[in-house]
Protein backbone atom coordinates (compact mmCIF):
# COMPACT_ATOMS: atom_id res chain seq x y z
CA MET A 1 116.10 -98.86 -22.21
CA ASP A 2 114.37 -99.24 -18.95
CA TYR A 3 116.35 -96.46 -17.45
CA THR A 4 115.53 -93.98 -20.17
CA ALA A 5 111.86 -94.88 -20.10
CA SER A 6 111.69 -94.47 -16.40
CA GLN A 7 113.50 -91.17 -16.68
CA SER A 8 111.10 -89.85 -19.32
CA GLY A 9 108.17 -90.99 -17.24
CA PHE A 10 109.58 -89.14 -14.29
CA ARG A 11 109.91 -85.96 -16.36
CA GLN A 12 106.32 -86.20 -17.51
CA ARG A 13 105.09 -86.62 -13.98
CA LYS A 14 107.17 -83.61 -12.94
CA LEU A 15 105.84 -81.37 -15.73
CA GLN A 16 102.22 -82.20 -15.02
CA PRO A 17 102.25 -80.60 -11.54
CA ASP A 18 103.95 -77.52 -13.01
CA MET A 19 101.31 -77.10 -15.66
CA HIS A 20 98.65 -77.68 -13.07
CA LEU A 21 100.14 -74.93 -10.91
CA ARG A 22 100.35 -72.52 -13.86
CA ASN A 23 96.73 -73.14 -14.78
CA SER A 24 95.62 -72.66 -11.22
CA SER A 25 97.60 -69.44 -10.91
CA GLY A 26 96.05 -68.12 -14.17
CA GLU A 27 92.55 -68.95 -12.98
CA GLY A 28 93.30 -67.33 -9.65
CA SER A 29 94.48 -64.14 -11.34
CA GLU A 30 91.32 -64.02 -13.49
CA GLY A 31 89.13 -64.60 -10.48
CA SER A 32 90.89 -61.98 -8.41
CA GLN A 33 90.18 -59.02 -10.79
CA LEU A 34 88.50 -56.07 -8.99
CA PHE A 35 86.75 -54.56 -12.09
CA GLU A 36 85.27 -56.13 -15.14
CA ASP A 37 86.92 -55.47 -18.45
CA THR A 38 84.49 -53.46 -20.57
CA SER A 39 86.80 -52.64 -23.45
CA GLY A 40 85.58 -55.50 -25.57
CA ALA A 41 82.39 -56.09 -27.51
CA THR A 42 80.30 -56.42 -24.38
CA PRO A 43 79.16 -52.69 -24.26
CA VAL A 44 77.98 -52.91 -27.83
CA GLN A 45 75.87 -55.90 -26.92
CA ARG A 46 74.50 -54.05 -23.88
CA GLY A 47 73.77 -50.96 -26.00
CA ASN A 48 71.94 -53.13 -28.49
CA ARG A 49 69.98 -54.68 -25.69
CA ASN A 50 69.09 -51.27 -24.32
CA GLN A 51 68.12 -50.06 -27.80
CA GLN A 52 65.99 -53.10 -28.28
CA ALA A 53 64.39 -52.76 -24.88
CA GLY A 54 64.03 -48.96 -25.09
CA PRO A 55 61.38 -48.73 -27.82
CA GLN A 56 59.46 -51.53 -26.22
CA ALA A 57 59.54 -49.88 -22.81
CA ALA A 58 58.83 -46.39 -24.22
CA GLY A 59 56.24 -47.41 -26.75
CA TYR A 60 54.30 -49.86 -24.64
CA PRO A 61 52.49 -47.35 -22.33
CA GLY A 62 51.73 -44.91 -25.17
CA GLN A 63 50.42 -47.71 -27.33
CA SER A 64 48.26 -48.93 -24.49
CA ILE A 65 46.81 -45.42 -23.92
CA LEU A 66 46.17 -44.75 -27.61
CA SER A 67 44.72 -48.18 -28.17
CA ASP A 68 42.44 -47.89 -25.14
CA PRO A 69 38.92 -47.00 -26.41
CA MET A 70 37.87 -45.63 -23.02
CA SER A 71 40.64 -43.00 -23.06
CA ASN A 72 39.70 -41.91 -26.60
CA LEU A 73 36.07 -41.62 -25.55
CA ALA A 74 37.04 -39.55 -22.50
CA MET A 75 39.16 -37.20 -24.62
CA ALA A 76 36.33 -36.69 -27.12
CA TYR A 77 33.82 -36.10 -24.33
CA GLY A 78 36.13 -33.57 -22.63
CA SER A 79 36.67 -31.62 -25.85
CA SER A 80 32.92 -31.50 -26.50
CA LEU A 81 32.29 -30.24 -22.97
CA ALA A 82 34.95 -27.54 -23.42
CA SER A 83 33.43 -26.35 -26.71
CA GLN A 84 29.93 -26.28 -25.21
CA GLY A 85 31.16 -24.30 -22.21
CA ARG A 86 32.92 -21.81 -24.48
CA GLU A 87 29.77 -21.30 -26.56
CA MET A 88 27.63 -20.86 -23.44
CA MET A 89 30.06 -18.33 -21.99
CA ASP A 90 30.11 -16.35 -25.26
CA LYS A 91 26.31 -16.26 -25.40
CA ASN A 92 25.90 -15.15 -21.78
CA LEU A 93 28.67 -12.58 -22.10
CA ASP A 94 27.16 -11.21 -25.28
CA ARG A 95 23.86 -10.66 -23.47
CA PHE A 96 25.41 -8.22 -20.99
CA ILE A 97 28.44 -6.97 -22.95
CA PRO A 98 27.79 -7.21 -26.70
CA ILE A 99 31.41 -7.55 -27.73
CA SER A 100 30.48 -8.18 -31.34
CA LYS A 101 28.61 -4.85 -31.48
CA LEU A 102 31.46 -2.91 -29.89
CA LYS A 103 33.48 -3.23 -33.08
CA TYR A 104 30.92 -1.02 -34.83
CA TYR A 105 31.44 1.82 -32.34
CA PHE A 106 35.21 1.79 -32.78
CA ALA A 107 35.16 1.70 -36.59
CA VAL A 108 36.47 5.26 -36.96
CA ASP A 109 39.25 7.00 -38.81
CA THR A 110 41.10 10.30 -38.57
CA VAL A 111 38.68 12.14 -40.86
CA TYR A 112 35.69 11.07 -38.80
CA VAL A 113 37.33 12.07 -35.52
CA GLY A 114 38.17 15.52 -36.87
CA LYS A 115 34.67 16.10 -38.22
CA LYS A 116 33.04 14.79 -35.05
CA LEU A 117 35.11 17.03 -32.79
CA GLY A 118 34.20 20.02 -34.96
CA LEU A 119 30.54 19.03 -34.75
CA LEU A 120 30.70 18.78 -30.95
CA VAL A 121 32.27 22.24 -30.63
CA PHE A 122 30.31 24.02 -33.38
CA PRO A 123 27.02 22.18 -34.15
CA TYR A 124 25.02 25.23 -35.26
CA MET A 125 25.65 25.05 -39.01
CA HIS A 126 25.10 21.29 -39.37
CA LYS A 127 21.89 20.53 -41.29
CA ASN A 128 21.42 16.79 -41.73
CA TRP A 129 21.36 14.93 -38.41
CA GLU A 130 19.93 11.62 -39.56
CA VAL A 131 22.01 8.46 -39.36
CA SER A 132 22.56 6.71 -42.70
CA TYR A 133 21.42 3.10 -43.09
CA GLN A 134 22.35 0.36 -45.49
CA GLN A 135 19.87 -2.52 -45.66
CA ASP A 136 18.34 -1.60 -42.27
CA ILE A 137 21.80 -1.55 -40.70
CA PRO A 138 23.47 1.73 -39.70
CA VAL A 139 26.67 2.40 -41.56
CA ALA A 140 29.99 2.50 -39.72
CA PRO A 141 30.90 5.78 -38.01
CA ARG A 142 33.78 6.42 -40.39
CA PHE A 143 31.23 6.74 -43.21
CA ASP A 144 28.70 8.89 -41.31
CA VAL A 145 29.55 11.73 -38.94
CA ASN A 146 26.11 11.46 -37.29
CA ALA A 147 26.69 7.87 -36.13
CA PRO A 148 27.59 7.46 -32.45
CA ASP A 149 30.98 6.05 -31.52
CA LEU A 150 32.86 5.07 -28.39
CA TYR A 151 36.35 6.09 -29.50
CA ILE A 152 35.93 9.80 -28.74
CA PRO A 153 34.22 9.21 -25.34
CA ALA A 154 36.88 6.70 -24.30
CA MET A 155 39.79 8.90 -25.36
CA GLY A 156 38.01 11.91 -23.87
CA PHE A 157 37.66 10.21 -20.50
CA ILE A 158 41.34 9.23 -20.40
CA THR A 159 42.43 12.70 -21.50
CA TYR A 160 40.17 14.28 -18.89
CA VAL A 161 41.81 12.24 -16.14
CA LEU A 162 45.28 13.26 -17.35
CA VAL A 163 44.33 16.94 -17.58
CA ALA A 164 42.78 16.73 -14.11
CA GLY A 165 46.06 15.35 -12.78
CA LEU A 166 47.91 18.24 -14.40
CA ALA A 167 45.51 20.76 -12.87
CA LEU A 168 45.91 19.18 -9.43
CA GLY A 169 49.68 19.32 -9.86
CA THR A 170 49.57 23.05 -10.50
CA GLN A 171 47.75 23.42 -7.18
CA ASN A 172 50.28 21.22 -5.33
CA LYS A 173 47.48 18.76 -4.57
CA PHE A 174 48.47 15.92 -6.84
CA SER A 175 48.53 12.41 -5.43
CA PRO A 176 47.73 9.03 -6.99
CA GLU A 177 44.89 8.55 -4.53
CA LEU A 178 43.29 11.90 -5.42
CA LEU A 179 43.68 11.19 -9.13
CA GLY A 180 42.00 7.83 -8.63
CA VAL A 181 39.14 9.50 -6.80
CA GLN A 182 38.77 11.97 -9.66
CA ALA A 183 38.62 9.20 -12.26
CA SER A 184 36.28 6.96 -10.27
CA SER A 185 33.90 9.82 -9.50
CA ALA A 186 33.67 10.76 -13.18
CA LEU A 187 33.01 7.13 -14.11
CA VAL A 188 30.36 6.70 -11.40
CA TRP A 189 28.53 9.86 -12.49
CA LEU A 190 28.56 8.62 -16.09
CA ILE A 191 27.09 5.25 -15.12
CA MET A 192 24.44 6.88 -12.94
CA GLU A 193 23.49 9.19 -15.79
CA VAL A 194 23.03 6.31 -18.23
CA LEU A 195 21.00 4.32 -15.70
CA ALA A 196 18.78 7.32 -15.01
CA VAL A 197 18.12 7.78 -18.73
CA LEU A 198 17.28 4.08 -19.14
CA LEU A 199 14.88 4.25 -16.22
CA SER A 200 13.23 7.37 -17.65
CA LEU A 201 12.80 5.72 -21.04
CA TYR A 202 11.21 2.73 -19.34
CA LEU A 203 8.80 4.84 -17.30
CA VAL A 204 7.77 6.95 -20.29
CA THR A 205 7.44 3.74 -22.37
CA VAL A 206 9.42 5.05 -25.30
CA ASN A 207 9.93 2.60 -28.15
CA THR A 208 13.25 3.64 -29.58
CA ASP A 209 16.24 2.04 -31.23
CA LEU A 210 18.60 3.69 -28.74
CA THR A 211 20.76 1.12 -27.04
CA THR A 212 22.71 1.33 -23.82
CA ILE A 213 25.92 1.77 -25.79
CA ASP A 214 24.37 4.65 -27.74
CA LEU A 215 23.45 6.43 -24.50
CA LEU A 216 26.95 5.79 -23.18
CA ALA A 217 28.42 7.33 -26.33
CA PHE A 218 26.19 10.40 -26.24
CA SER A 219 26.86 10.94 -22.53
CA GLY A 220 30.60 10.61 -23.08
CA TYR A 221 30.81 13.41 -25.65
CA LYS A 222 30.73 16.00 -22.88
CA TYR A 223 34.35 15.17 -21.97
CA VAL A 224 35.47 17.08 -25.06
CA GLY A 225 34.04 20.36 -23.74
CA MET A 226 35.35 19.62 -20.24
CA ILE A 227 38.88 19.20 -21.56
CA ILE A 228 38.66 22.43 -23.56
CA GLY A 229 37.44 24.35 -20.51
CA VAL A 230 40.11 23.01 -18.14
CA VAL A 231 42.96 23.57 -20.61
CA ALA A 232 41.77 27.12 -21.29
CA GLY A 233 41.61 27.77 -17.55
CA LEU A 234 45.12 26.43 -16.99
CA LEU A 235 46.53 28.58 -19.79
CA PHE A 236 44.60 31.82 -19.40
CA GLY A 237 42.96 31.73 -15.98
CA LYS A 238 39.42 31.57 -14.68
CA PRO A 239 37.77 33.97 -17.18
CA ALA A 240 38.93 31.80 -20.09
CA TYR A 241 37.67 28.71 -18.25
CA TYR A 242 34.17 30.12 -17.82
CA LEU A 243 33.93 31.47 -21.36
CA SER A 244 35.15 28.28 -23.02
CA LEU A 245 33.03 26.09 -20.75
CA LEU A 246 29.95 28.19 -21.46
CA TRP A 247 30.49 27.84 -25.19
CA CYS A 248 31.02 24.09 -24.94
CA CYS A 249 27.94 23.68 -22.70
CA ALA A 250 25.75 25.48 -25.23
CA ALA A 251 27.25 23.40 -28.04
CA ILE A 252 26.66 20.06 -26.31
CA PHE A 253 23.09 21.12 -25.44
CA VAL A 254 22.30 21.84 -29.08
CA PHE A 255 24.06 18.66 -30.20
CA MET A 256 22.06 16.48 -27.81
CA ILE A 257 18.73 18.12 -28.67
CA ARG A 258 19.18 17.69 -32.41
CA THR A 259 20.48 14.16 -32.08
CA LEU A 260 18.04 12.70 -29.55
CA ARG A 261 14.91 14.28 -31.00
CA LEU A 262 15.33 12.08 -34.07
CA LYS A 263 15.61 9.03 -31.82
CA LEU A 264 12.75 9.84 -29.45
CA LEU A 265 10.30 12.18 -31.18
CA SER A 266 10.46 10.47 -34.56
CA GLU A 267 9.14 7.30 -32.96
CA ALA A 268 6.05 9.21 -31.86
CA ALA A 269 5.46 10.42 -35.42
CA ALA A 270 5.91 6.89 -36.72
CA GLU A 271 3.31 5.63 -34.25
CA GLY A 272 0.79 8.19 -35.55
CA GLN A 273 0.52 10.16 -32.32
CA LEU A 274 -0.42 13.82 -32.24
CA VAL A 275 2.46 16.23 -32.05
CA ARG A 276 0.89 17.99 -29.12
CA GLY A 277 -0.13 14.82 -27.31
CA ALA A 278 0.67 14.27 -23.64
CA ARG A 279 2.95 11.35 -24.38
CA ASN A 280 4.84 13.28 -27.00
CA GLN A 281 5.32 16.13 -24.56
CA LEU A 282 6.85 13.67 -22.09
CA ARG A 283 9.30 12.59 -24.76
CA MET A 284 10.17 16.19 -25.52
CA TYR A 285 10.72 16.93 -21.84
CA LEU A 286 12.87 13.84 -21.51
CA THR A 287 15.00 14.93 -24.47
CA MET A 288 15.49 18.38 -23.02
CA SER A 289 16.30 16.95 -19.58
CA ILE A 290 19.02 14.70 -21.00
CA ALA A 291 20.51 17.61 -22.93
CA ALA A 292 20.31 19.98 -19.93
CA ALA A 293 22.06 17.46 -17.67
CA GLN A 294 25.25 17.61 -19.76
CA PRO A 295 26.28 21.20 -18.81
CA ILE A 296 25.55 20.45 -15.15
CA PHE A 297 27.92 17.49 -15.13
CA MET A 298 30.51 19.44 -17.10
CA TYR A 299 30.63 22.19 -14.50
CA TRP A 300 30.41 19.80 -11.53
CA LEU A 301 33.40 17.75 -12.64
CA THR A 302 35.68 20.66 -13.57
CA TYR A 303 35.05 23.71 -11.38
CA HIS A 304 37.38 22.52 -8.57
CA LEU A 305 40.27 22.03 -11.00
CA ILE A 306 40.69 25.76 -11.69
CA ARG A 307 41.77 28.09 -8.89
């Protein structure tokens, strides 16, 4: 009995070191891993942690900005300053360039353009030259052929520049620089003409409803006759140029006289002045001077284009 007990005790003591060695080898193998095993549930826990931390990290600065009363006050103050600056800019711009009024001068249609071109070329048979009004406001040009517009002068200026480039090309003188000089010179002469008329109206002290845009429109109608003269000269030579230009010069002279006399001389009649008064004679001379200046500019800006 003693022998067997001692033998079993010996076996137990022998197995304990073996188990201790196995446990130590297992712990050593776990401790000696180079990379961490991420195939388990650990990434899900990390993703959950990131998802939980993400809204907090992303929402915390935005919430602090939106909840800050000083930032809201600064945003409201900045928007009010921007709106005030926009209104001030619109008012100051409208003083020099009345953009809202420009829409009236471009309210045209095809029928009006056709009738107006016919009136500029053949004004002798036209009877009624008064502009129609509706509640003290002139009607749009598309409803009244006597109303001034800016569409025909603008298109006439552009067409004149193109025709001038064509004429220079036929003379082997075309170049972008020369075409630019031609366009800029025509524009400068137009501006100088309008400024001279405004100065004359101021010196004569004429109370009229003519605006700067009206004078610009009336001064720009001469481009129609200039285009007709240059095209006739290119197609049929110098004699056709002089004949067509002479006709267009006479037509624009009559057109300007009959149009401006209602704007300038009618004011004198409304003021109760004598028809033969000195002031009324100055107005008549001014009207004739404006009309006579149109043929001069027409010839000056086109004679060098025909050889």
